[in-house]
Amino acid sequence: MEVAYERCCGLDVHKQTVVACAVTPQGRETRTFGTTTGELVELADWLKELDAIPGVGCRTAQVVLAEIGTEMSRFPSAAHLASWARLCPGMNESAGKRKSASTGQGNRWLRAVLVQAAHAAARTNGSALAAEFKRIAARAGVKRAAVAVAHSILKAIYYMILRGTPYDDRPHPERDIRSRTDQRRAAVRQLERLGYKAQLEAA
């Protein structure tokens, strides 16, 4: 059966309430709003934000909000929230070599749903999260890439709630700098494995 529209929403309008049922590739969600101006504006905002973050659908958003709430003051920073969600890998480095490190203790339910969202984000076209997933998977594997993207998703949610701002899918300049640095290092290591000594100079 051919899918005409991947995303749609049906409205059941009554005198006192408006029932909205939204369907996206990530699942279905039904919410009830009042008919005052403020609640109708809330309905419009909700519909706009459903698919703001690639990979985060209605069900994922429900789980995340149920776990972390909407009061971000209990988390001093996005890093503290990521650690609470088991999305901060530990450091295990010896003699300059990084070894396997677990993400430690934390909220395993939140971690699971965000890792699932990361895999969904990796399948989106043209998003910054998909680019991040592919970049990390190429050098560190799919599992670590999923954890890294889940970490980015959670940080985005933290700042959206804290600042009341919409999601921005533009790549972060600092992330682009790290990406270019990683590419240079990978190229040098590849040449060294082939028996060459490389010295880089700006073009």
Protein backbone atom coordinates (compact mmCIF):
# COMPACT_ATOMS: atom_id res chain seq x y z
CA MET A 1 0.00 0.00 0.00
CA GLU A 2 1.39 3.39 -0.99
CA VAL A 3 1.77 5.97 1.77
CA ALA A 4 0.51 9.34 0.57
CA TYR A 5 1.52 11.34 3.68
CA GLU A 6 3.96 10.22 6.38
CA ARG A 7 2.82 12.92 8.80
CA CYS A 8 -0.76 13.94 9.42
CA CYS A 9 -3.05 15.08 12.21
CA GLY A 10 -6.78 14.69 12.70
CA LEU A 11 -8.84 17.10 14.81
CA ASP A 12 -12.08 16.23 16.57
CA VAL A 13 -13.58 19.61 17.45
CA HIS A 14 -16.15 19.95 20.23
CA LYS A 15 -17.63 22.92 22.04
CA GLN A 16 -15.33 22.62 25.06
CA THR A 17 -12.41 20.55 23.73
CA VAL A 18 -10.33 19.79 20.64
CA VAL A 19 -8.90 16.26 20.40
CA ALA A 20 -5.82 16.05 18.19
CA CYS A 21 -4.40 12.77 16.92
CA ALA A 22 -1.00 13.13 15.22
CA VAL A 23 0.62 10.32 13.22
CA THR A 24 4.33 10.38 12.30
CA PRO A 25 6.85 7.72 11.23
CA GLN A 26 7.75 7.36 14.93
CA GLY A 27 4.22 6.58 16.14
CA ARG A 28 0.87 8.07 17.12
CA GLU A 29 -0.08 10.49 19.90
CA THR A 30 -3.45 11.85 20.97
CA ARG A 31 -3.86 14.95 23.12
CA THR A 32 -6.86 16.98 24.26
CA PHE A 33 -6.85 20.78 24.35
CA GLY A 34 -9.37 23.34 25.47
CA THR A 35 -11.01 25.87 23.17
CA THR A 36 -9.69 29.08 24.72
CA THR A 37 -7.28 31.19 22.68
CA GLY A 38 -4.30 30.27 24.83
CA GLU A 39 -4.97 26.54 24.58
CA LEU A 40 -5.45 26.72 20.81
CA VAL A 41 -2.11 28.49 20.52
CA GLU A 42 -0.63 25.68 22.62
CA LEU A 43 -2.14 23.16 20.19
CA ALA A 44 -0.56 24.95 17.22
CA ASP A 45 2.84 25.05 18.93
CA TRP A 46 2.61 21.37 19.80
CA LEU A 47 1.93 20.40 16.19
CA LYS A 48 4.91 22.46 15.00
CA GLU A 49 7.33 20.91 17.49
CA LEU A 50 6.38 17.25 17.09
CA ASP A 51 9.09 16.50 14.55
CA ALA A 52 11.50 19.29 15.36
CA ILE A 53 14.37 16.98 16.37
CA PRO A 54 15.20 14.25 13.82
CA GLY A 55 14.49 10.82 15.27
CA VAL A 56 12.35 12.12 18.15
CA GLY A 57 8.71 11.22 17.65
CA CYS A 58 5.69 11.61 19.86
CA ARG A 59 6.32 8.50 21.94
CA THR A 60 9.98 9.37 22.48
CA ALA A 61 9.08 12.89 23.57
CA GLN A 62 6.55 11.50 26.04
CA VAL A 63 9.10 9.16 27.63
CA VAL A 64 11.80 11.85 27.84
CA LEU A 65 9.49 14.38 29.46
CA ALA A 66 8.11 11.75 31.83
CA GLU A 67 11.66 10.95 32.97
CA ILE A 68 13.28 14.41 33.15
CA GLY A 69 10.24 16.65 33.62
CA THR A 70 10.11 20.26 32.47
CA GLU A 71 12.00 21.84 35.38
CA MET A 72 15.66 21.93 34.34
CA SER A 73 16.89 23.78 37.44
CA ARG A 74 17.55 20.44 39.17
CA PHE A 75 20.27 19.76 36.59
CA PRO A 76 23.15 22.26 36.91
CA SER A 77 24.08 21.73 33.26
CA ALA A 78 23.38 19.65 30.18
CA ALA A 79 26.40 17.53 31.10
CA HIS A 80 24.83 16.65 34.47
CA LEU A 81 21.62 15.59 32.72
CA ALA A 82 23.57 13.48 30.22
CA SER A 83 25.43 11.78 33.07
CA TRP A 84 22.12 11.08 34.85
CA ALA A 85 20.86 9.47 31.63
CA ARG A 86 23.95 7.25 31.27
CA LEU A 87 25.06 9.05 28.12
CA CYS A 88 28.50 10.21 29.28
CA PRO A 89 31.15 7.55 28.54
CA GLY A 90 33.84 7.23 31.17
CA MET A 91 37.49 7.91 30.43
CA ASN A 92 39.84 4.90 30.42
CA GLU A 93 43.09 6.05 28.92
CA SER A 94 46.59 4.65 29.42
CA ALA A 95 49.83 5.63 27.68
CA GLY A 96 47.91 7.83 25.31
CA LYS A 97 45.58 5.03 24.19
CA ARG A 98 41.87 5.06 24.88
CA LYS A 99 40.38 1.79 26.07
CA SER A 100 36.81 0.63 26.35
CA ALA A 101 34.81 2.60 28.90
CA SER A 102 31.22 2.17 30.04
CA THR A 103 28.70 4.96 30.46
CA GLY A 104 28.31 4.16 34.18
CA GLN A 105 25.17 4.21 36.29
CA GLY A 106 22.07 6.20 35.44
CA ASN A 107 18.54 6.12 34.07
CA ARG A 108 18.57 3.12 31.74
CA TRP A 109 15.02 3.74 30.48
CA LEU A 110 15.85 7.22 29.28
CA ARG A 111 19.11 6.03 27.74
CA ALA A 112 17.34 3.24 25.84
CA VAL A 113 14.73 5.50 24.26
CA LEU A 114 17.32 8.12 23.29
CA VAL A 115 19.62 5.55 21.69
CA GLN A 116 16.62 4.32 19.71
CA ALA A 117 15.95 7.91 18.64
CA ALA A 118 19.59 8.25 17.61
CA HIS A 119 19.27 5.30 15.23
CA ALA A 120 16.13 6.88 13.77
CA ALA A 121 17.94 10.22 13.39
CA ALA A 122 20.73 8.45 11.50
CA ARG A 123 18.23 7.51 8.80
CA THR A 124 17.08 11.08 8.19
CA ASN A 125 18.40 12.91 5.17
CA GLY A 126 20.44 16.08 5.45
CA SER A 127 20.22 16.53 9.23
CA ALA A 128 23.15 17.49 11.45
CA LEU A 129 22.45 14.49 13.70
CA ALA A 130 22.62 12.07 10.76
CA ALA A 131 25.94 13.61 9.69
CA GLU A 132 27.28 13.27 13.24
CA PHE A 133 26.20 9.62 13.39
CA LYS A 134 27.91 8.74 10.11
CA ARG A 135 31.08 10.61 11.05
CA ILE A 136 31.48 8.85 14.40
CA ALA A 137 30.36 5.43 13.13
CA ALA A 138 33.12 5.51 10.50
CA ARG A 139 35.87 5.68 13.12
CA ALA A 140 34.33 4.32 16.32
CA GLY A 141 31.51 2.00 15.28
CA VAL A 142 27.72 2.16 15.21
CA LYS A 143 27.16 1.61 18.95
CA ARG A 144 29.37 4.51 20.02
CA ALA A 145 27.87 6.70 17.31
CA ALA A 146 24.37 5.97 18.64
CA VAL A 147 25.39 6.93 22.18
CA ALA A 148 27.06 10.13 20.94
CA VAL A 149 24.00 11.18 18.93
CA ALA A 150 21.69 10.28 21.83
CA HIS A 151 23.84 12.59 23.96
CA SER A 152 23.40 15.38 21.39
CA ILE A 153 19.64 14.85 21.29
CA LEU A 154 19.37 15.06 25.07
CA LYS A 155 21.47 18.24 25.16
CA ALA A 156 19.19 19.78 22.52
CA ILE A 157 16.11 18.89 24.57
CA TYR A 158 17.71 20.35 27.71
CA TYR A 159 18.34 23.73 26.08
CA MET A 160 14.96 23.78 24.32
CA ILE A 161 13.21 23.39 27.68
CA LEU A 162 15.59 25.62 29.63
CA ARG A 163 15.55 28.53 27.15
CA GLY A 164 12.15 27.97 25.59
CA THR A 165 13.68 28.00 22.10
CA PRO A 166 12.93 25.74 19.10
CA TYR A 167 15.34 23.10 17.86
CA ASP A 168 18.14 24.34 15.59
CA ASP A 169 19.40 21.68 13.17
CA ARG A 170 22.36 23.70 11.95
CA PRO A 171 25.73 22.05 12.64
CA HIS A 172 27.59 23.56 15.59
CA PRO A 173 30.76 25.43 14.51
CA GLU A 174 32.80 23.74 17.26
CA ARG A 175 31.59 20.35 16.06
CA ASP A 176 32.69 21.16 12.51
CA ILE A 177 36.14 22.14 13.76
CA ARG A 178 36.45 18.85 15.63
CA SER A 179 35.32 16.99 12.52
CA ARG A 180 38.02 18.57 10.34
CA THR A 181 40.64 17.91 13.03
CA ASP A 182 39.61 14.25 13.26
CA GLN A 183 39.80 13.93 9.47
CA ARG A 184 43.34 15.33 9.42
CA ARG A 185 44.46 12.99 12.18
CA ALA A 186 42.90 10.00 10.45
CA ALA A 187 44.66 10.90 7.18
CA VAL A 188 48.04 11.21 8.95
CA ARG A 189 47.57 7.88 10.73
CA GLN A 190 46.69 6.22 7.44
CA LEU A 191 49.88 7.52 5.83
CA GLU A 192 51.95 6.41 8.82
CA ARG A 193 50.51 2.91 8.58
CA LEU A 194 51.66 2.86 4.95
CA GLY A 195 55.17 3.76 6.04
CA TYR A 196 55.16 7.50 5.30
CA LYS A 197 55.94 10.42 7.57
CA ALA A 198 53.49 13.27 7.01
CA GLN A 199 53.89 16.95 7.82
CA LEU A 200 50.80 19.03 7.12
CA GLU A 201 50.92 22.60 5.84
CA ALA A 202 47.97 24.89 5.18
CA ALA A 203 47.16 25.26 1.48
